[in-house]
PDB file of all heavy atoms in Angstrom:
ATOM      1  N   SER A   1     288.889  -6.672-120.278  1.00  0.00           N
ATOM      2  CA  SER A   1     288.227  -5.546-119.609  1.00  0.00           C
ATOM      3  C   SER A   1     288.585  -4.271-120.423  1.00  0.00           C
ATOM      4  O   SER A   1     289.720  -3.871-120.438  1.00  0.00           O
ATOM      5  CB  SER A   1     288.680  -5.433-118.153  1.00  0.00           C
ATOM      6  OG  SER A   1     287.990  -4.395-117.488  1.00  0.00           O
ATOM      7  N   ASP A   2     287.544  -3.667-121.017  1.00  0.00           N
ATOM      8  CA  ASP A   2     287.776  -2.497-121.857  1.00  0.00           C
ATOM      9  C   ASP A   2     287.716  -1.227-120.988  1.00  0.00           C
ATOM     10  O   ASP A   2     286.934  -1.112-120.050  1.00  0.00           O
ATOM     11  CB  ASP A   2     286.681  -2.370-122.896  1.00  0.00           C
ATOM     12  CG  ASP A   2     286.785  -3.421-123.958  1.00  0.00           C
ATOM     13  OD1 ASP A   2     287.640  -4.315-123.859  1.00  0.00           O
ATOM     14  OD2 ASP A   2     285.982  -3.338-124.953  1.00  0.00           O
ATOM     15  N   ALA A   3     288.616  -0.293-121.264  1.00  0.00           N
ATOM     16  CA  ALA A   3     288.604   1.000-120.632  1.00  0.00           C
ATOM     17  C   ALA A   3     289.555   1.946-121.386  1.00  0.00           C
ATOM     18  O   ALA A   3     290.570   1.516-121.877  1.00  0.00           O
ATOM     19  CB  ALA A   3     289.043   0.918-119.152  1.00  0.00           C
ATOM     20  N   LEU A   4     289.118   3.196-121.494  1.00  0.00           N
ATOM     21  CA  LEU A   4     289.974   4.175-122.190  1.00  0.00           C
ATOM     22  C   LEU A   4     291.148   4.586-121.301  1.00  0.00           C
ATOM     23  O   LEU A   4     291.038   4.612-120.075  1.00  0.00           O
ATOM     24  CB  LEU A   4     289.142   5.391-122.538  1.00  0.00           C
ATOM     25  CG  LEU A   4     288.035   5.167-123.594  1.00  0.00           C
ATOM     26  CD1 LEU A   4     287.170   6.411-123.688  1.00  0.00           C
ATOM     27  CD2 LEU A   4     288.613   4.775-124.922  1.00  0.00           C
ATOM     28  N   LEU A   5     292.224   4.954-121.924  1.00  0.00           N
ATOM     29  CA  LEU A   5     293.407   5.411-121.218  1.00  0.00           C
ATOM     30  C   LEU A   5     293.030   6.621-120.360  1.00  0.00           C
ATOM     31  O   LEU A   5     292.295   7.498-120.776  1.00  0.00           O
ATOM     32  CB  LEU A   5     294.542   5.797-122.197  1.00  0.00           C
ATOM     33  CG  LEU A   5     295.188   4.586-122.912  1.00  0.00           C
ATOM     34  CD1 LEU A   5     296.058   5.087-124.031  1.00  0.00           C
ATOM     35  CD2 LEU A   5     295.975   3.769-121.929  1.00  0.00           C
ATOM     36  N   GLY A   6     293.589   6.644-119.155  1.00  0.00           N
ATOM     37  CA  GLY A   6     293.239   7.667-118.199  1.00  0.00           C
ATOM     38  C   GLY A   6     292.097   7.282-117.286  1.00  0.00           C
ATOM     39  O   GLY A   6     291.828   7.985-116.290  1.00  0.00           O
ATOM     40  N   MET A   7     291.407   6.182-117.620  1.00  0.00           N
ATOM     41  CA  MET A   7     290.260   5.734-116.825  1.00  0.00           C
ATOM     42  C   MET A   7     290.381   4.261-116.449  1.00  0.00           C
ATOM     43  O   MET A   7     289.394   3.614-116.116  1.00  0.00           O
ATOM     44  CB  MET A   7     288.989   5.981-117.627  1.00  0.00           C
ATOM     45  CG  MET A   7     288.764   7.421-118.023  1.00  0.00           C
ATOM     46  SD  MET A   7     287.280   7.638-119.058  1.00  0.00           S
ATOM     47  CE  MET A   7     285.991   7.148-117.952  1.00  0.00           C
ATOM     48  N   ILE A   8     291.599   3.715-116.515  1.00  0.00           N
ATOM     49  CA  ILE A   8     291.795   2.298-116.226  1.00  0.00           C
ATOM     50  C   ILE A   8     292.200   2.110-114.769  1.00  0.00           C
ATOM     51  O   ILE A   8     293.268   2.564-114.362  1.00  0.00           O
ATOM     52  CB  ILE A   8     292.891   1.682-117.146  1.00  0.00           C
ATOM     53  CG1 ILE A   8     292.622   2.039-118.613  1.00  0.00           C
ATOM     54  CG2 ILE A   8     292.948   0.189-116.960  1.00  0.00           C
ATOM     55  CD1 ILE A   8     293.738   1.649-119.566  1.00  0.00           C
ATOM     56  N   PRO A   9     291.377   1.435-113.978  1.00  0.00           N
ATOM     57  CA  PRO A   9     291.703   1.224-112.581  1.00  0.00           C
ATOM     58  C   PRO A   9     292.945   0.327-112.446  1.00  0.00           C
ATOM     59  O   PRO A   9     293.199  -0.594-113.284  1.00  0.00           O
ATOM     60  CB  PRO A   9     290.485   0.503-112.004  1.00  0.00           C
ATOM     61  CG  PRO A   9     289.391   0.777-112.981  1.00  0.00           C
ATOM     62  CD  PRO A   9     290.039   0.899-114.310  1.00  0.00           C
ATOM     63  N   ALA A  10     293.749   0.543-111.403  1.00  0.00           N
ATOM     64  CA  ALA A  10     294.932  -0.253-111.174  1.00  0.00           C
ATOM     65  C   ALA A  10     294.606  -1.724-111.025  1.00  0.00           C
ATOM     66  O   ALA A  10     295.341  -2.621-111.501  1.00  0.00           O
ATOM     67  CB  ALA A  10     295.666   0.249-109.919  1.00  0.00           C
ATOM     68  N   ALA A  11     293.451  -1.996-110.380  1.00  0.00           N
ATOM     69  CA  ALA A  11     293.035  -3.395-110.194  1.00  0.00           C
ATOM     70  C   ALA A  11     292.767  -4.113-111.509  1.00  0.00           C
ATOM     71  O   ALA A  11     293.041  -5.285-111.663  1.00  0.00           O
ATOM     72  CB  ALA A  11     291.781  -3.440-109.313  1.00  0.00           C
ATOM     73  N   THR A  12     292.242  -3.366-112.476  1.00  0.00           N
ATOM     74  CA  THR A  12     292.008  -3.939-113.810  1.00  0.00           C
ATOM     75  C   THR A  12     293.296  -4.285-114.504  1.00  0.00           C
ATOM     76  O   THR A  12     293.451  -5.332-115.094  1.00  0.00           O
ATOM     77  CB  THR A  12     291.187  -2.953-114.658  1.00  0.00           C
ATOM     78  OG1 THR A  12     289.903  -2.771-114.072  1.00  0.00           O
ATOM     79  CG2 THR A  12     291.042  -3.474-116.095  1.00  0.00           C
ATOM     80  N   ILE A  13     294.275  -3.346-114.431  1.00  0.00           N
ATOM     81  CA  ILE A  13     295.586  -3.607-115.028  1.00  0.00           C
ATOM     82  C   ILE A  13     296.200  -4.870-114.440  1.00  0.00           C
ATOM     83  O   ILE A  13     296.686  -5.748-115.152  1.00  0.00           O
ATOM     84  CB  ILE A  13     296.526  -2.406-114.819  1.00  0.00           C
ATOM     85  CG1 ILE A  13     295.947  -1.175-115.499  1.00  0.00           C
ATOM     86  CG2 ILE A  13     297.929  -2.696-115.306  1.00  0.00           C
ATOM     87  CD1 ILE A  13     296.707   0.120-115.200  1.00  0.00           C
ATOM     88  N   GLU A  14     296.158  -4.976-113.118  1.00  0.00           N
ATOM     89  CA  GLU A  14     296.735  -6.134-112.428  1.00  0.00           C
ATOM     90  C   GLU A  14     296.019  -7.413-112.825  1.00  0.00           C
ATOM     91  O   GLU A  14     296.656  -8.425-113.121  1.00  0.00           O
ATOM     92  CB  GLU A  14     296.649  -5.939-110.912  1.00  0.00           C
ATOM     93  CG  GLU A  14     297.038  -7.134-110.070  1.00  0.00           C
ATOM     94  CD  GLU A  14     298.482  -7.515-110.226  1.00  0.00           C
ATOM     95  OE1 GLU A  14     299.313  -6.635-110.607  1.00  0.00           O
ATOM     96  OE2 GLU A  14     298.864  -8.675-109.989  1.00  0.00           O
ATOM     97  N   ALA A  15     294.692  -7.383-112.850  1.00  0.00           N
ATOM     98  CA  ALA A  15     293.937  -8.604-113.135  1.00  0.00           C
ATOM     99  C   ALA A  15     294.190  -9.109-114.571  1.00  0.00           C
ATOM    100  O   ALA A  15     294.395 -10.309-114.798  1.00  0.00           O
ATOM    101  CB  ALA A  15     292.440  -8.333-112.949  1.00  0.00           C
ATOM    102  N   VAL A  16     294.191  -8.161-115.519  1.00  0.00           N
ATOM    103  CA  VAL A  16     294.359  -8.576-116.929  1.00  0.00           C
ATOM    104  C   VAL A  16     295.776  -9.087-117.196  1.00  0.00           C
ATOM    105  O   VAL A  16     295.977 -10.128-117.830  1.00  0.00           O
ATOM    106  CB  VAL A  16     294.028  -7.409-117.896  1.00  0.00           C
ATOM    107  CG1 VAL A  16     294.375  -7.747-119.321  1.00  0.00           C
ATOM    108  CG2 VAL A  16     292.554  -7.055-117.797  1.00  0.00           C
ATOM    109  N   LEU A  17     296.762  -8.356-116.723  1.00  0.00           N
ATOM    110  CA  LEU A  17     298.155  -8.795-116.968  1.00  0.00           C
ATOM    111  C   LEU A  17     298.500 -10.058-116.230  1.00  0.00           C
ATOM    112  O   LEU A  17     299.191 -10.933-116.757  1.00  0.00           O
ATOM    113  CB  LEU A  17     299.127  -7.672-116.545  1.00  0.00           C
ATOM    114  CG  LEU A  17     299.116  -6.380-117.432  1.00  0.00           C
ATOM    115  CD1 LEU A  17     300.067  -5.360-116.895  1.00  0.00           C
ATOM    116  CD2 LEU A  17     299.417  -6.725-118.888  1.00  0.00           C
ATOM    117  N   SER A  18     298.029 -10.204-114.994  1.00  0.00           N
ATOM    118  CA  SER A  18     298.354 -11.413-114.202  1.00  0.00           C
ATOM    119  C   SER A  18     297.742 -12.657-114.796  1.00  0.00           C
ATOM    120  O   SER A  18     298.353 -13.737-114.757  1.00  0.00           O
ATOM    121  CB  SER A  18     297.947 -11.239-112.737  1.00  0.00           C
ATOM    122  OG  SER A  18     296.537 -11.137-112.609  1.00  0.00           O
ATOM    123  N   THR A  19     296.564 -12.537-115.350  1.00  0.00           N
ATOM    124  CA  THR A  19     295.898 -13.728-115.945  1.00  0.00           C
ATOM    125  C   THR A  19     296.426 -13.996-117.332  1.00  0.00           C
ATOM    126  O   THR A  19     296.843 -15.085-117.669  1.00  0.00           O
ATOM    127  CB  THR A  19     294.374 -13.507-116.010  1.00  0.00           C
ATOM    128  OG1 THR A  19     293.871 -13.352-114.671  1.00  0.00           O
ATOM    129  CG2 THR A  19     293.718 -14.715-116.660  1.00  0.00           C
ATOM    130  N   ASN A  20     296.407 -12.985-118.200  1.00  0.00           N
ATOM    131  CA  ASN A  20     296.704 -13.166-119.619  1.00  0.00           C
ATOM    132  C   ASN A  20     298.202 -13.397-119.902  1.00  0.00           C
ATOM    133  O   ASN A  20     298.550 -14.215-120.752  1.00  0.00           O
ATOM    134  CB  ASN A  20     296.230 -11.996-120.452  1.00  0.00           C
ATOM    135  CG  ASN A  20     294.723 -11.832-120.403  1.00  0.00           C
ATOM    136  OD1 ASN A  20     294.029 -12.578-119.748  1.00  0.00           O
ATOM    137  ND2 ASN A  20     294.241 -10.823-121.105  1.00  0.00           N
ATOM    138  N   LEU A  21     299.064 -12.687-119.170  1.00  0.00           N
ATOM    139  CA  LEU A  21     300.473 -12.769-119.500  1.00  0.00           C
ATOM    140  C   LEU A  21     301.267 -13.518-118.400  1.00  0.00           C
ATOM    141  O   LEU A  21     301.945 -14.503-118.723  1.00  0.00           O
ATOM    142  CB  LEU A  21     301.053 -11.363-119.631  1.00  0.00           C
ATOM    143  CG  LEU A  21     302.559 -11.303-120.011  1.00  0.00           C
ATOM    144  CD1 LEU A  21     302.862 -12.123-121.255  1.00  0.00           C
ATOM    145  CD2 LEU A  21     302.952  -9.846-120.194  1.00  0.00           C
ATOM    146  N   THR A  22     301.174 -13.088-117.147  1.00  0.00           N
ATOM    147  CA  THR A  22     301.917 -13.762-116.109  1.00  0.00           C
ATOM    148  C   THR A  22     301.535 -15.221-115.997  1.00  0.00           C
ATOM    149  O   THR A  22     302.400 -16.115-115.887  1.00  0.00           O
ATOM    150  CB  THR A  22     301.702 -13.055-114.765  1.00  0.00           C
ATOM    151  OG1 THR A  22     302.063 -11.691-114.873  1.00  0.00           O
ATOM    152  CG2 THR A  22     302.548 -13.713-113.671  1.00  0.00           C
ATOM    153  N   GLY A  23     300.222 -15.489-116.063  1.00  0.00           N
ATOM    154  CA  GLY A  23     299.745 -16.902-116.005  1.00  0.00           C
ATOM    155  C   GLY A  23     300.311 -17.714-117.145  1.00  0.00           C
ATOM    156  O   GLY A  23     300.662 -18.892-116.968  1.00  0.00           O
ATOM    157  N   SER A  24     300.378 -17.126-118.329  1.00  0.00           N
ATOM    158  CA  SER A  24     300.942 -17.878-119.480  1.00  0.00           C
ATOM    159  C   SER A  24     302.410 -18.170-119.288  1.00  0.00           C
ATOM    160  O   SER A  24     302.881 -19.267-119.634  1.00  0.00           O
ATOM    161  CB  SER A  24     300.769 -17.028-120.769  1.00  0.00           C
ATOM    162  OG  SER A  24     299.400 -16.891-121.100  1.00  0.00           O
ATOM    163  N   ILE A  25     303.149 -17.241-118.664  1.00  0.00           N
ATOM    164  CA  ILE A  25     304.569 -17.469-118.373  1.00  0.00           C
ATOM    165  C   ILE A  25     304.717 -18.588-117.364  1.00  0.00           C
ATOM    166  O   ILE A  25     305.545 -19.496-117.520  1.00  0.00           O
ATOM    167  CB  ILE A  25     305.226 -16.204-117.907  1.00  0.00           C
ATOM    168  CG1 ILE A  25     305.239 -15.149-119.010  1.00  0.00           C
ATOM    169  CG2 ILE A  25     306.680 -16.475-117.470  1.00  0.00           C
ATOM    170  CD1 ILE A  25     305.701 -13.770-118.573  1.00  0.00           C
ATOM    171  N   TYR A  26     303.908 -18.546-116.280  1.00  0.00           N
ATOM    172  CA  TYR A  26     303.958 -19.583-115.244  1.00  0.00           C
ATOM    173  C   TYR A  26     303.768 -20.949-115.895  1.00  0.00           C
ATOM    174  O   TYR A  26     304.546 -21.908-115.648  1.00  0.00           O
ATOM    175  CB  TYR A  26     302.880 -19.391-114.218  1.00  0.00           C
ATOM    176  CG  TYR A  26     303.095 -18.257-113.246  1.00  0.00           C
ATOM    177  CD1 TYR A  26     302.020 -17.712-112.546  1.00  0.00           C
ATOM    178  CD2 TYR A  26     304.380 -17.766-112.986  1.00  0.00           C
ATOM    179  CE1 TYR A  26     302.231 -16.665-111.641  1.00  0.00           C
ATOM    180  CE2 TYR A  26     304.566 -16.731-112.081  1.00  0.00           C
ATOM    181  CZ  TYR A  26     303.489 -16.211-111.409  1.00  0.00           C
ATOM    182  OH  TYR A  26     303.669 -15.185-110.500  1.00  0.00           O
ATOM    183  N   HIS A  27     302.721 -21.099-116.718  1.00  0.00           N
ATOM    184  CA  HIS A  27     302.429 -22.406-117.296  1.00  0.00           C
ATOM    185  C   HIS A  27     303.464 -22.827-118.328  1.00  0.00           C
ATOM    186  O   HIS A  27     303.868 -23.991-118.377  1.00  0.00           O
ATOM    187  CB  HIS A  27     301.032 -22.368-117.966  1.00  0.00           C
ATOM    188  CG  HIS A  27     299.948 -22.765-116.976  1.00  0.00           C
ATOM    189  ND1 HIS A  27     299.612 -24.061-116.692  1.00  0.00           N
ATOM    190  CD2 HIS A  27     299.127 -21.983-116.202  1.00  0.00           C
ATOM    191  CE1 HIS A  27     298.627 -24.074-115.817  1.00  0.00           C
ATOM    192  NE2 HIS A  27     298.336 -22.844-115.488  1.00  0.00           N
ATOM    193  N   LEU A  28     303.920 -21.893-119.152  1.00  0.00           N
ATOM    194  CA  LEU A  28     304.935 -22.255-120.139  1.00  0.00           C
ATOM    195  C   LEU A  28     306.199 -22.729-119.467  1.00  0.00           C
ATOM    196  O   LEU A  28     306.812 -23.704-119.910  1.00  0.00           O
ATOM    197  CB  LEU A  28     305.211 -21.074-121.046  1.00  0.00           C
ATOM    198  CG  LEU A  28     306.084 -21.345-122.276  1.00  0.00           C
ATOM    199  CD1 LEU A  28     305.677 -20.440-123.425  1.00  0.00           C
ATOM    200  CD2 LEU A  28     307.573 -21.091-121.988  1.00  0.00           C
ATOM    201  N   GLN A  29     306.576 -22.058-118.376  1.00  0.00           N
ATOM    202  CA  GLN A  29     307.823 -22.446-117.717  1.00  0.00           C
ATOM    203  C   GLN A  29     307.702 -23.846-117.115  1.00  0.00           C
ATOM    204  O   GLN A  29     308.614 -24.681-117.286  1.00  0.00           O
ATOM    205  CB  GLN A  29     308.125 -21.423-116.610  1.00  0.00           C
ATOM    206  CG  GLN A  29     309.409 -21.663-115.878  1.00  0.00           C
ATOM    207  CD  GLN A  29     309.906 -20.441-115.144  1.00  0.00           C
ATOM    208  OE1 GLN A  29     310.847 -19.817-115.591  1.00  0.00           O
ATOM    209  NE2 GLN A  29     309.224 -20.100-114.042  1.00  0.00           N
ATOM    210  N   GLU A  30     306.611 -24.152-116.428  1.00  0.00           N
ATOM    211  CA  GLU A  30     306.439 -25.465-115.815  1.00  0.00           C
ATOM    212  C   GLU A  30     306.291 -26.549-116.891  1.00  0.00           C
ATOM    213  O   GLU A  30     306.827 -27.651-116.784  1.00  0.00           O
ATOM    214  CB  GLU A  30     305.213 -25.488-114.889  1.00  0.00           C
ATOM    215  CG  GLU A  30     305.304 -24.550-113.678  1.00  0.00           C
ATOM    216  CD  GLU A  30     306.470 -24.922-112.776  1.00  0.00           C
ATOM    217  OE1 GLU A  30     306.773 -26.119-112.638  1.00  0.00           O
ATOM    218  OE2 GLU A  30     307.081 -24.001-112.210  1.00  0.00           O
ATOM    219  N   ALA A  31     305.556 -26.222-117.966  1.00  0.00           N
ATOM    220  CA  ALA A  31     305.364 -27.205-119.063  1.00  0.00           C
ATOM    221  C   ALA A  31     306.661 -27.514-119.717  1.00  0.00           C
ATOM    222  O   ALA A  31     306.970 -28.682-120.047  1.00  0.00           O
ATOM    223  CB  ALA A  31     304.387 -26.664-120.083  1.00  0.00           C
ATOM    224  N   SER A  32     307.515 -26.520-119.953  1.00  0.00           N
ATOM    225  CA  SER A  32     308.790 -26.751-120.630  1.00  0.00           C
ATOM    226  C   SER A  32     309.679 -27.631-119.795  1.00  0.00           C
ATOM    227  O   SER A  32     310.450 -28.462-120.357  1.00  0.00           O
ATOM    228  CB  SER A  32     309.475 -25.408-120.926  1.00  0.00           C
ATOM    229  OG  SER A  32     309.892 -24.779-119.749  1.00  0.00           O
ATOM    230  N   ARG A  33     309.605 -27.507-118.479  1.00  0.00           N
ATOM    231  CA  ARG A  33     310.418 -28.413-117.620  1.00  0.00           C
ATOM    232  C   ARG A  33     309.942 -29.841-117.781  1.00  0.00           C
ATOM    233  O   ARG A  33     310.793 -30.797-117.924  1.00  0.00           O
ATOM    234  CB  ARG A  33     310.277 -27.987-116.142  1.00  0.00           C
ATOM    235  CG  ARG A  33     310.980 -26.698-115.771  1.00  0.00           C
ATOM    236  CD  ARG A  33     311.040 -26.564-114.262  1.00  0.00           C
ATOM    237  NE  ARG A  33     311.639 -25.310-113.835  1.00  0.00           N
ATOM    238  CZ  ARG A  33     310.981 -24.338-113.237  1.00  0.00           C
ATOM    239  NH1 ARG A  33     309.705 -24.470-112.959  1.00  0.00           N
ATOM    240  NH2 ARG A  33     311.595 -23.209-112.878  1.00  0.00           N
TER     241      ARG A  33
END
């Protein structure tokens, strides 16, 4: 989701980070176990 700084909705920040990064951590952790 593209947006210039100062115009990024909080919901966009949450959605992008939770899918791209947090989700990767969740899966990596379970896979490593």
